[in-house]
């Protein structure tokens, strides 16, 4: 089966934006003693995929693990359903590091308002002392739009997608 041609960059970008707009939760992967630990979390994408915001409880295991080792991955996937090919579901895998976004940071209020607009039911959680906004600084993205349609991007040029082909290493 021949590899499909690469999609135009603008089409890949639109597909990425559509995926993150349709899927409000992701799997956050942290490191527990050097091993992956996954948690289901609501997320807010920044201006582009290179910044992601999470509102997390300090009591949660994933928060403890991020404090011990800030390296993270965030996995966003199209929901499966009857009639869909699970191997061809669209998905985005981001890698980077997480830090707490201080309430005194210049962008905190804007991020908080955007987060509340997307997740209004979390309003009361902002009053709980153990919750904090986390900013994930993502450096790499891997986007799969279907068979033979895998793309990679780096945070230096987050809207510039490169088609992944078998003869090219990531």
Protein backbone atom coordinates (compact mmCIF):
# COMPACT_ATOMS: atom_id res chain seq x y z
CA UNK A 1 0.00 0.00 0.00
CA UNK A 2 1.61 3.31 -1.04
CA UNK A 3 2.04 6.08 1.51
CA UNK A 4 -0.48 8.91 1.06
CA UNK A 5 0.90 12.28 0.08
CA UNK A 6 1.45 14.83 2.82
CA UNK A 7 -1.43 17.20 3.43
CA UNK A 8 -0.85 20.94 3.03
CA UNK A 9 0.39 22.50 6.28
CA UNK A 10 -2.75 24.65 6.64
CA UNK A 11 -4.95 21.54 6.44
CA UNK A 12 -2.87 19.77 9.09
CA UNK A 13 -3.09 22.82 11.36
CA UNK A 14 -6.87 23.02 10.91
CA UNK A 15 -7.21 19.30 11.71
CA UNK A 16 -5.14 19.76 14.88
CA UNK A 17 -7.27 22.72 15.97
CA UNK A 18 -10.47 20.77 15.25
CA UNK A 19 -9.29 17.79 17.28
CA UNK A 20 -8.43 19.85 20.37
CA UNK A 21 -11.68 21.82 20.06
CA UNK A 22 -13.73 18.58 20.01
CA UNK A 23 -11.95 16.73 22.83
CA UNK A 24 -12.02 18.47 26.23
CA UNK A 25 -10.08 15.88 28.21
CA UNK A 26 -6.72 14.22 27.73
CA UNK A 27 -4.46 11.68 29.36
CA UNK A 28 -1.67 13.35 31.32
CA UNK A 29 1.37 11.13 31.61
CA UNK A 30 3.72 11.87 34.49
CA UNK A 31 6.62 9.84 35.81
CA UNK A 32 6.19 7.68 38.92
CA UNK A 33 9.67 6.49 39.90
CA UNK A 34 10.71 6.58 36.24
CA UNK A 35 7.61 4.77 34.95
CA UNK A 36 4.66 6.34 33.05
CA UNK A 37 1.58 7.12 35.13
CA UNK A 38 -1.59 8.21 33.29
CA UNK A 39 -4.40 10.43 34.56
CA UNK A 40 -7.50 11.72 32.82
CA UNK A 41 -7.59 15.56 32.96
CA UNK A 42 -9.48 18.48 31.46
CA UNK A 43 -7.11 20.80 29.60
CA UNK A 44 -6.97 24.21 27.98
CA UNK A 45 -4.74 24.82 24.96
CA UNK A 46 -2.89 28.12 24.91
CA UNK A 47 -2.38 30.21 21.80
CA UNK A 48 -1.05 27.03 20.19
CA UNK A 49 -0.20 23.50 21.36
CA UNK A 50 3.13 24.63 22.88
CA UNK A 51 1.29 25.85 26.01
CA UNK A 52 -1.35 23.81 27.80
CA UNK A 53 -3.06 24.66 31.07
CA UNK A 54 -4.40 22.28 33.72
CA UNK A 55 -6.17 23.04 36.98
CA UNK A 56 -4.97 20.35 39.37
CA UNK A 57 -5.35 19.38 42.99
CA UNK A 58 -2.17 19.17 45.02
CA UNK A 59 -3.61 16.00 46.56
CA UNK A 60 -3.66 14.15 43.20
CA UNK A 61 -0.91 11.64 42.47
CA UNK A 62 -0.15 13.17 39.07
CA UNK A 63 0.54 16.52 40.77
CA UNK A 64 2.90 14.89 43.25
CA UNK A 65 4.72 13.17 40.41
CA UNK A 66 5.03 16.43 38.39
CA UNK A 67 6.54 18.13 41.42
CA UNK A 68 9.12 15.33 41.66
CA UNK A 69 9.83 15.23 37.90
CA UNK A 70 8.31 17.95 35.69
CA UNK A 71 8.55 15.94 32.45
CA UNK A 72 5.11 15.19 31.05
CA UNK A 73 3.25 14.01 28.00
CA UNK A 74 -0.33 14.90 27.14
CA UNK A 75 -2.30 12.55 24.88
CA UNK A 76 -5.46 13.81 23.17
CA UNK A 77 -7.46 11.34 21.09
CA UNK A 78 -10.58 11.30 18.98
CA UNK A 79 -13.23 9.22 20.77
CA UNK A 80 -13.71 5.69 19.49
CA UNK A 81 -17.13 4.55 18.33
CA UNK A 82 -18.98 1.85 16.50
CA UNK A 83 -17.91 1.74 12.87
CA UNK A 84 -14.64 3.58 13.47
CA UNK A 85 -11.26 1.96 12.92
CA UNK A 86 -9.49 2.33 16.31
CA UNK A 87 -6.08 2.31 14.58
CA UNK A 88 -7.05 5.29 12.42
CA UNK A 89 -8.40 7.57 15.17
CA UNK A 90 -6.94 11.05 15.16
CA UNK A 91 -4.61 11.74 18.05
CA UNK A 92 -2.11 14.28 19.32
CA UNK A 93 0.77 13.48 21.65
CA UNK A 94 2.62 16.40 23.25
CA UNK A 95 5.84 16.25 25.29
CA UNK A 96 7.26 18.86 27.61
CA UNK A 97 7.48 19.99 31.22
CA UNK A 98 5.01 21.35 33.75
CA UNK A 99 5.25 24.21 36.24
CA UNK A 100 2.73 25.95 38.48
CA UNK A 101 1.43 29.19 36.99
CA UNK A 102 1.69 31.67 39.84
CA UNK A 103 -1.40 33.77 40.59
CA UNK A 104 0.90 36.81 40.29
CA UNK A 105 1.97 35.88 36.72
CA UNK A 106 0.84 38.40 34.08
CA UNK A 107 -1.18 35.77 32.18
CA UNK A 108 -2.84 34.12 35.19
CA UNK A 109 -6.15 36.04 35.14
CA UNK A 110 -6.60 35.61 31.39
CA UNK A 111 -5.84 31.86 31.57
CA UNK A 112 -8.17 31.45 34.56
CA UNK A 113 -11.02 33.22 32.70
CA UNK A 114 -10.49 31.10 29.58
CA UNK A 115 -10.38 27.96 31.70
CA UNK A 116 -13.62 28.89 33.47
CA UNK A 117 -15.29 29.68 30.13
CA UNK A 118 -14.43 26.16 28.95
CA UNK A 119 -15.10 24.42 32.30
CA UNK A 120 -17.60 26.58 34.24
CA UNK A 121 -18.30 23.74 36.68
CA UNK A 122 -14.74 24.13 38.01
CA UNK A 123 -15.40 27.65 39.37
CA UNK A 124 -15.64 26.53 43.00
CA UNK A 125 -12.37 24.57 42.70
CA UNK A 126 -10.49 27.84 42.22
CA UNK A 127 -11.44 28.66 45.83
CA UNK A 128 -9.85 25.48 47.18
CA UNK A 129 -6.36 26.00 48.57
CA UNK A 130 -4.97 22.75 47.21
CA UNK A 131 -5.78 23.55 43.55
CA UNK A 132 -3.40 25.37 41.24
CA UNK A 133 -3.14 26.24 37.56
CA UNK A 134 -0.30 24.42 35.87
CA UNK A 135 1.33 25.58 32.65
CA UNK A 136 2.74 22.82 30.49
CA UNK A 137 5.58 24.01 28.25
CA UNK A 138 5.35 21.59 25.36
CA UNK A 139 8.38 21.19 23.11
CA UNK A 140 7.30 18.46 20.68
CA UNK A 141 4.06 17.38 19.01
CA UNK A 142 3.15 14.22 17.15
CA UNK A 143 -0.19 14.38 15.31
CA UNK A 144 -1.80 11.38 13.61
CA UNK A 145 -4.70 12.12 11.27
CA UNK A 146 -5.08 8.57 9.92
CA UNK A 147 -3.07 5.89 8.15
CA UNK A 148 0.10 7.35 6.64
CA UNK A 149 -0.81 10.81 7.91
CA UNK A 150 1.52 11.39 10.85
CA UNK A 151 3.04 14.82 11.40
CA UNK A 152 5.53 16.32 13.80
CA UNK A 153 6.14 19.86 14.99
CA UNK A 154 8.48 21.59 17.42
CA UNK A 155 7.67 24.46 19.77
CA UNK A 156 10.03 26.82 17.92
CA UNK A 157 7.54 26.71 14.98
CA UNK A 158 4.37 25.17 16.44
CA UNK A 159 2.27 25.69 13.30
CA UNK A 160 4.82 24.13 10.96
CA UNK A 161 3.98 20.45 10.55
CA UNK A 162 6.36 17.95 8.95
CA UNK A 163 5.05 14.76 7.41
CA UNK A 164 6.54 11.70 9.07
CA UNK A 165 7.68 9.19 6.48
CA UNK A 166 9.26 5.78 7.07
CA UNK A 167 12.64 6.90 5.76
CA UNK A 168 12.77 9.98 8.03
CA UNK A 169 13.57 9.68 11.71
CA UNK A 170 11.52 11.85 14.12
